[in-house]
N, C-alpha and C. Protein backbone atom coordinates (compact mmCIF):
# COMPACT_ATOMS: atom_id res chain seq x y z
N MET A 1 6.94 11.57 64.66
CA MET A 1 7.39 11.39 66.22
C MET A 1 6.78 11.58 67.20
N ALA A 2 7.07 11.11 68.22
CA ALA A 2 6.66 10.83 69.64
C ALA A 2 6.31 12.22 70.05
N GLU A 3 4.77 12.56 70.44
CA GLU A 3 4.77 13.62 71.58
C GLU A 3 5.78 13.53 72.71
N THR A 4 6.03 12.49 73.51
CA THR A 4 6.47 12.58 74.96
C THR A 4 8.01 11.84 74.62
N SER A 5 8.82 12.40 75.04
CA SER A 5 10.65 11.46 74.84
C SER A 5 10.88 10.60 76.16
N HIS A 6 10.31 9.94 76.97
CA HIS A 6 11.07 8.88 77.48
C HIS A 6 12.35 8.20 77.50
N PHE A 7 12.64 8.37 76.10
CA PHE A 7 14.21 7.77 75.79
C PHE A 7 15.17 8.36 75.09
N SER A 8 14.86 9.69 74.59
CA SER A 8 15.82 10.49 74.07
C SER A 8 17.52 10.66 74.60
N ASP A 9 17.76 9.78 75.74
CA ASP A 9 19.19 9.84 76.16
C ASP A 9 19.77 8.16 75.81
N ALA A 10 18.73 7.24 75.19
CA ALA A 10 19.32 6.05 75.17
C ALA A 10 20.26 6.29 74.23
N THR A 11 21.29 5.30 74.18
CA THR A 11 22.34 4.99 73.24
C THR A 11 22.12 3.73 72.75
N GLU A 12 21.53 3.15 72.52
CA GLU A 12 20.71 1.98 71.32
C GLU A 12 21.22 2.68 69.98
N THR A 13 21.16 1.74 69.18
CA THR A 13 20.99 2.47 67.95
C THR A 13 19.70 2.10 67.42
N ASP A 14 18.91 2.37 66.45
CA ASP A 14 18.03 1.70 65.92
C ASP A 14 17.91 0.31 65.42
N GLU A 15 18.72 -0.29 64.83
CA GLU A 15 19.04 -1.48 64.69
C GLU A 15 18.95 -2.50 65.98
N GLN A 16 19.65 -1.82 66.98
CA GLN A 16 20.08 -2.53 67.66
C GLN A 16 18.74 -2.70 68.81
N LEU A 17 17.74 -1.72 68.65
CA LEU A 17 16.27 -1.48 69.39
C LEU A 17 15.45 -3.12 68.41
N LYS A 18 15.89 -2.58 66.98
CA LYS A 18 14.52 -3.27 66.91
C LYS A 18 15.02 -4.91 66.93
N GLU A 19 16.56 -5.10 67.04
CA GLU A 19 16.83 -6.23 67.37
C GLU A 19 16.39 -7.16 68.99
N LEU A 20 16.25 -6.30 69.60
CA LEU A 20 15.70 -6.12 71.06
C LEU A 20 14.48 -6.51 70.99
N TYR A 21 13.65 -5.63 70.17
CA TYR A 21 12.62 -6.49 70.00
C TYR A 21 12.17 -7.35 69.63
N ASP A 22 12.78 -7.65 68.56
CA ASP A 22 12.82 -8.81 67.85
C ASP A 22 12.68 -10.86 68.88
N GLN A 23 13.95 -10.31 69.67
CA GLN A 23 14.26 -11.36 70.77
C GLN A 23 13.34 -11.02 71.76
N ALA A 24 12.36 -10.47 71.84
CA ALA A 24 11.31 -10.11 73.10
C ALA A 24 10.29 -10.88 72.50
N ALA A 25 10.00 -10.56 71.22
CA ALA A 25 9.17 -11.20 70.37
C ALA A 25 8.75 -12.24 70.23
N ASP A 26 9.77 -13.06 69.94
CA ASP A 26 10.08 -14.90 69.76
C ASP A 26 9.54 -15.27 71.48
N LEU A 27 10.17 -14.64 72.18
CA LEU A 27 9.73 -15.46 73.64
C LEU A 27 8.00 -15.06 73.71
N CYS A 28 7.79 -14.12 73.82
CA CYS A 28 6.29 -13.04 74.07
C CYS A 28 5.24 -14.40 73.43
N LEU A 29 5.65 -13.48 71.95
CA LEU A 29 4.24 -13.99 70.67
C LEU A 29 4.56 -15.78 70.62
N ARG A 30 5.57 -16.18 71.29
CA ARG A 30 5.98 -17.75 70.70
C ARG A 30 5.61 -19.11 72.18
N ASN A 31 4.94 -18.72 72.78
CA ASN A 31 5.00 -18.79 74.57
C ASN A 31 3.66 -18.92 75.13
N PRO A 32 2.85 -19.85 74.97
CA PRO A 32 1.62 -20.08 75.59
C PRO A 32 1.93 -19.77 77.30
N SER A 33 2.99 -19.80 77.72
CA SER A 33 3.11 -19.94 79.22
C SER A 33 2.78 -18.73 79.52
N ARG A 34 2.48 -18.92 80.97
CA ARG A 34 2.43 -17.76 82.10
C ARG A 34 3.58 -16.94 83.01
N ASP A 35 4.72 -17.75 82.56
CA ASP A 35 5.59 -17.64 83.09
C ASP A 35 6.44 -16.12 83.62
N VAL A 36 6.59 -15.29 84.45
CA VAL A 36 7.61 -14.13 84.71
C VAL A 36 8.23 -13.91 83.32
N GLN A 37 9.06 -14.64 83.02
CA GLN A 37 10.12 -14.25 81.76
C GLN A 37 9.23 -13.94 80.42
N VAL A 38 7.97 -14.18 80.50
CA VAL A 38 7.15 -14.31 79.15
C VAL A 38 6.74 -12.65 79.38
N ILE A 39 5.99 -12.34 80.43
CA ILE A 39 5.34 -11.42 80.77
C ILE A 39 6.79 -10.00 80.72
N VAL A 40 7.46 -10.42 80.93
CA VAL A 40 9.00 -9.67 80.90
C VAL A 40 9.31 -9.01 79.23
N ALA A 41 9.33 -10.12 78.37
CA ALA A 41 9.26 -10.05 77.15
C ALA A 41 8.47 -9.57 76.40
N CYS A 42 7.04 -9.67 77.06
CA CYS A 42 5.42 -9.14 75.98
C CYS A 42 5.89 -7.45 76.44
N THR A 43 6.29 -7.31 77.84
CA THR A 43 6.59 -5.59 77.96
C THR A 43 7.29 -5.24 77.55
N SER A 44 8.31 -6.02 77.09
CA SER A 44 9.84 -5.37 77.02
C SER A 44 9.61 -4.97 75.22
N MET A 45 8.91 -5.63 74.68
CA MET A 45 8.07 -5.58 72.79
C MET A 45 7.78 -4.10 73.35
N SER A 46 7.00 -3.78 74.15
CA SER A 46 6.27 -2.11 74.18
C SER A 46 7.23 -1.34 73.99
N ILE A 47 8.29 -1.32 74.96
CA ILE A 47 8.83 -0.57 75.48
C ILE A 47 9.86 -0.30 74.68
N TYR A 48 10.31 -1.21 74.01
CA TYR A 48 11.09 -1.36 72.74
C TYR A 48 10.82 -0.59 71.79
N GLY A 49 8.87 -0.83 71.44
CA GLY A 49 8.03 -0.55 70.49
C GLY A 49 7.96 1.34 70.57
N MET A 50 8.15 2.00 72.05
CA MET A 50 7.57 3.06 72.09
C MET A 50 8.97 3.93 72.00
N ALA A 51 10.15 3.05 72.15
CA ALA A 51 11.32 3.84 71.81
C ALA A 51 11.27 4.51 70.87
N LEU A 52 10.88 2.97 69.78
CA LEU A 52 11.30 3.18 68.38
C LEU A 52 10.38 4.13 67.87
N ASN A 53 9.26 4.33 68.07
CA ASN A 53 8.21 5.18 67.81
C ASN A 53 8.82 6.90 68.04
N GLU A 54 9.40 6.87 68.95
CA GLU A 54 9.95 7.77 69.35
C GLU A 54 10.70 8.47 68.40
N ARG A 55 11.69 7.78 67.74
CA ARG A 55 12.36 7.97 66.73
C ARG A 55 11.73 7.83 65.50
N GLY A 56 10.69 7.87 65.54
CA GLY A 56 10.21 7.88 64.05
C GLY A 56 9.48 6.72 63.23
N LEU A 57 10.00 5.76 64.17
CA LEU A 57 9.80 3.92 63.28
C LEU A 57 8.44 3.99 63.97
N CYS A 58 7.87 2.96 63.17
CA CYS A 58 6.80 2.44 63.09
C CYS A 58 6.54 1.27 62.34
N ARG A 59 6.04 -0.02 63.08
CA ARG A 59 5.64 -1.50 62.90
C ARG A 59 4.42 -1.55 62.43
N GLY A 60 4.10 -1.87 61.07
CA GLY A 60 2.88 -2.34 60.47
C GLY A 60 2.62 -1.03 60.49
N LYS A 61 0.58 -1.42 59.66
CA LYS A 61 -0.17 -0.31 59.02
C LYS A 61 -1.22 -1.11 59.30
N GLU A 62 -1.59 0.31 59.25
CA GLU A 62 -3.76 -0.40 59.37
C GLU A 62 -4.31 -1.18 58.43
N ASN A 63 -4.58 -2.05 58.62
CA ASN A 63 -5.29 -3.21 57.60
C ASN A 63 -4.89 -3.94 57.51
N GLN A 64 -3.08 -4.22 57.66
CA GLN A 64 -2.25 -4.95 57.47
C GLN A 64 -2.25 -6.35 58.31
N ALA A 65 -2.13 -7.40 57.96
CA ALA A 65 -2.19 -8.32 58.59
C ALA A 65 -0.42 -8.27 59.35
N ASN A 66 -0.28 -8.67 60.76
CA ASN A 66 0.92 -8.96 61.44
C ASN A 66 1.66 -9.86 61.14
N ALA A 67 1.41 -10.82 60.01
CA ALA A 67 2.49 -11.35 59.53
C ALA A 67 3.56 -10.52 58.71
N PHE A 68 3.17 -9.42 58.03
CA PHE A 68 4.06 -8.61 56.94
C PHE A 68 4.10 -7.14 57.33
N ALA A 69 3.95 -7.28 59.25
CA ALA A 69 4.56 -5.82 59.22
C ALA A 69 6.14 -6.12 59.43
N GLU A 70 6.28 -4.68 59.13
CA GLU A 70 7.73 -4.11 58.79
C GLU A 70 8.02 -3.07 59.74
N TRP A 71 9.29 -2.70 60.32
CA TRP A 71 9.65 -1.29 60.75
C TRP A 71 9.37 -0.20 59.76
N HIS A 72 9.29 0.91 59.37
CA HIS A 72 9.44 1.65 58.62
C HIS A 72 9.17 3.20 58.76
N LYS A 73 9.60 4.00 58.29
CA LYS A 73 9.57 5.10 58.66
C LYS A 73 7.89 5.75 59.08
N CYS A 74 7.46 6.33 60.05
CA CYS A 74 6.32 6.80 60.56
C CYS A 74 5.36 7.37 59.04
N GLU A 75 3.95 6.67 59.12
CA GLU A 75 3.13 7.50 58.09
C GLU A 75 1.83 7.44 58.89
N ALA A 76 0.92 8.25 58.14
CA ALA A 76 -0.60 8.80 58.72
C ALA A 76 -1.20 7.13 58.99
N ASP A 77 -0.88 6.25 58.43
CA ASP A 77 -1.64 5.01 58.54
C ASP A 77 -0.84 4.30 59.03
N SER A 78 0.28 4.22 59.80
CA SER A 78 0.95 3.84 60.62
C SER A 78 0.71 3.23 61.67
N LEU A 79 0.92 2.11 62.35
CA LEU A 79 0.95 1.33 63.96
C LEU A 79 1.54 1.70 64.59
N ARG A 80 1.18 2.96 65.73
CA ARG A 80 2.23 2.93 66.85
C ARG A 80 1.76 2.29 68.06
N PHE A 81 3.30 1.87 69.08
CA PHE A 81 2.58 0.79 70.16
C PHE A 81 1.84 2.42 71.04
N PRO A 82 0.59 2.01 71.91
CA PRO A 82 0.42 2.25 73.06
C PRO A 82 1.30 2.67 74.38
N GLU A 83 1.41 3.92 74.94
CA GLU A 83 2.50 4.10 76.11
C GLU A 83 1.87 3.90 77.35
N ILE A 84 2.83 2.63 78.13
CA ILE A 84 2.58 2.15 78.57
C ILE A 84 3.04 2.56 80.52
N GLU A 85 3.23 1.83 81.35
CA GLU A 85 3.69 2.55 82.46
C GLU A 85 5.00 2.37 82.58
N LEU A 86 6.19 3.60 82.61
CA LEU A 86 7.43 3.07 82.93
C LEU A 86 7.92 3.47 84.73
N PRO A 87 8.97 2.74 84.74
CA PRO A 87 9.62 3.42 86.07
C PRO A 87 9.87 4.63 86.57
N ALA A 88 9.74 5.13 87.69
CA ALA A 88 9.37 6.31 87.61
C ALA A 88 10.92 7.43 87.14
N GLY A 89 12.22 6.89 86.60
CA GLY A 89 13.24 7.11 86.44
C GLY A 89 13.02 7.34 84.86
N PHE A 90 11.99 7.25 84.21
CA PHE A 90 11.98 6.86 82.98
C PHE A 90 10.45 7.85 82.34
N ARG A 91 9.61 8.46 83.62
CA ARG A 91 8.90 9.27 83.21
C ARG A 91 9.18 10.43 82.75
C-alpha cells in the first residue's frame, strides 16, 4: 500500500477507477494533440493510478512491455505511479 493516503474517503470502487483510468488513457495515449482535454486526460491517468496504488493495486511490472501491463496486487517488482501535485483539498 502507498505511504500517503490522499483518497481514503473516495467512494469509487476499484473497478470504477480502472474504467476511469482506461477512458483517460484512450484520450491521452492515442492522441497527438496538445489540446487541454488531452492534458487533463493524461493528468487524470496519473491520479487514478495513484488512487489505485493506495489500494494496493499496480499496473505493470519492471521489464514488462506496456502493452502487456495489467492491474494486479502490488508486488516488489510492480510499477507504481509517481505522486503528482494535487489541489490543496486533496493533500
